[in-house]
Amino acid sequence: MTSVQEWKKEKYANTSDIDHRQAIDALASLLENKTSPAETAKAITAAYEPRSKLNEKIENFWVLYMCEAIRHFGDAAARERLVDLLGEISRLPDVKDADGSVQSDPGDAVFWRDMPRWAYDFKEYGLHYGVSADFADYEIDDYYAQALPLLNATRFGAAVLSRGEVACRLPAAADLFLEEGIEEPYDETRRASREWQVLLPPAATWLLVTGSTFYRLCHGGKGQGALEGETRPERKKWDGRVWSPERWALWKERLQTLADRDDISDECRGFAAQARKKMEELEAQH
């Protein structure tokens, strides 16, 4: 893994924009623990104000710098700082124009409490980039190279979800991984291409880090952006509801099967066994 300064140098090389460079500097300082998350939040948002810059540049920040940092720096200390940063940005005062009107993006998401563009960009470029597309589109080594960045992003997303501070629609984002990483059988084709190597650890991580959220959803609770009430009749493996006790039971069954298999790696079997154990612990608590 490259150092923070190497990462900063690489990002600098790809932009001459002074505002983006200010944001890169702030992120690098946070990752090196030279500034606090609160200080970093103020420095980053200051780079994209006044109003004329907000819609124009904030998506570039989320995609090119925040998501990239999340995927690249996966150690626990860096992850905690980045999670703290997201919370600090969401707690900043509303941005207002000269007339005192609160400023928002075209979808009426207020800067900064509604975190405009964050949820979509993290889902598309933090979690799903290089995974949800057709497998045939990828060189095999490039596909496997997604495993660690994706796991880093999942650990970050699960930590954000567990705190419940930021509007993020992460249960909906996790849905894909729970289906493809745990529910779908690793048949001969998927096994031969070692899809489990990329998809199983993130799927298990959602349950390991924030399994209580999914327990509540599956047993009648509510969750922000969680696709409540949606049904998918094509999902024959359980009753078709996105979240239900039947789906929870299916995860446990599949995780046990995966933990017992001898044709996937020890690491991935370990993820499966730990996730199932976590589910049993949550059931015992309820």
Foldseek 3Di string as FASTA:
>chain_A
DDALVVVLVVLVVVDPDPLLNQLSVLLSCLLVVNDALLVSLVSNVVSQDDPVRPVVPPLVCLQVPLLVQLLPDQDPSSLVRSLSNLLNQLPDDFHADPVRDGDDDPVRQTGPNQPPPNQVNCLVRNAPVLNPDDPVVDDLVVSLVSQRSNLSSLLSLLVNQQVVRHQHLVLVSLLVLLCVQFQDDCPPVNLVSVVNSRRPLSNLSSLLRNVVVLVQQADPHDDRNNQPPDFAVVPPQADGGSHHVSSLVSRLVRLVVLLPDPSHDPVSNVSSVSSNVSSVVSVVVD
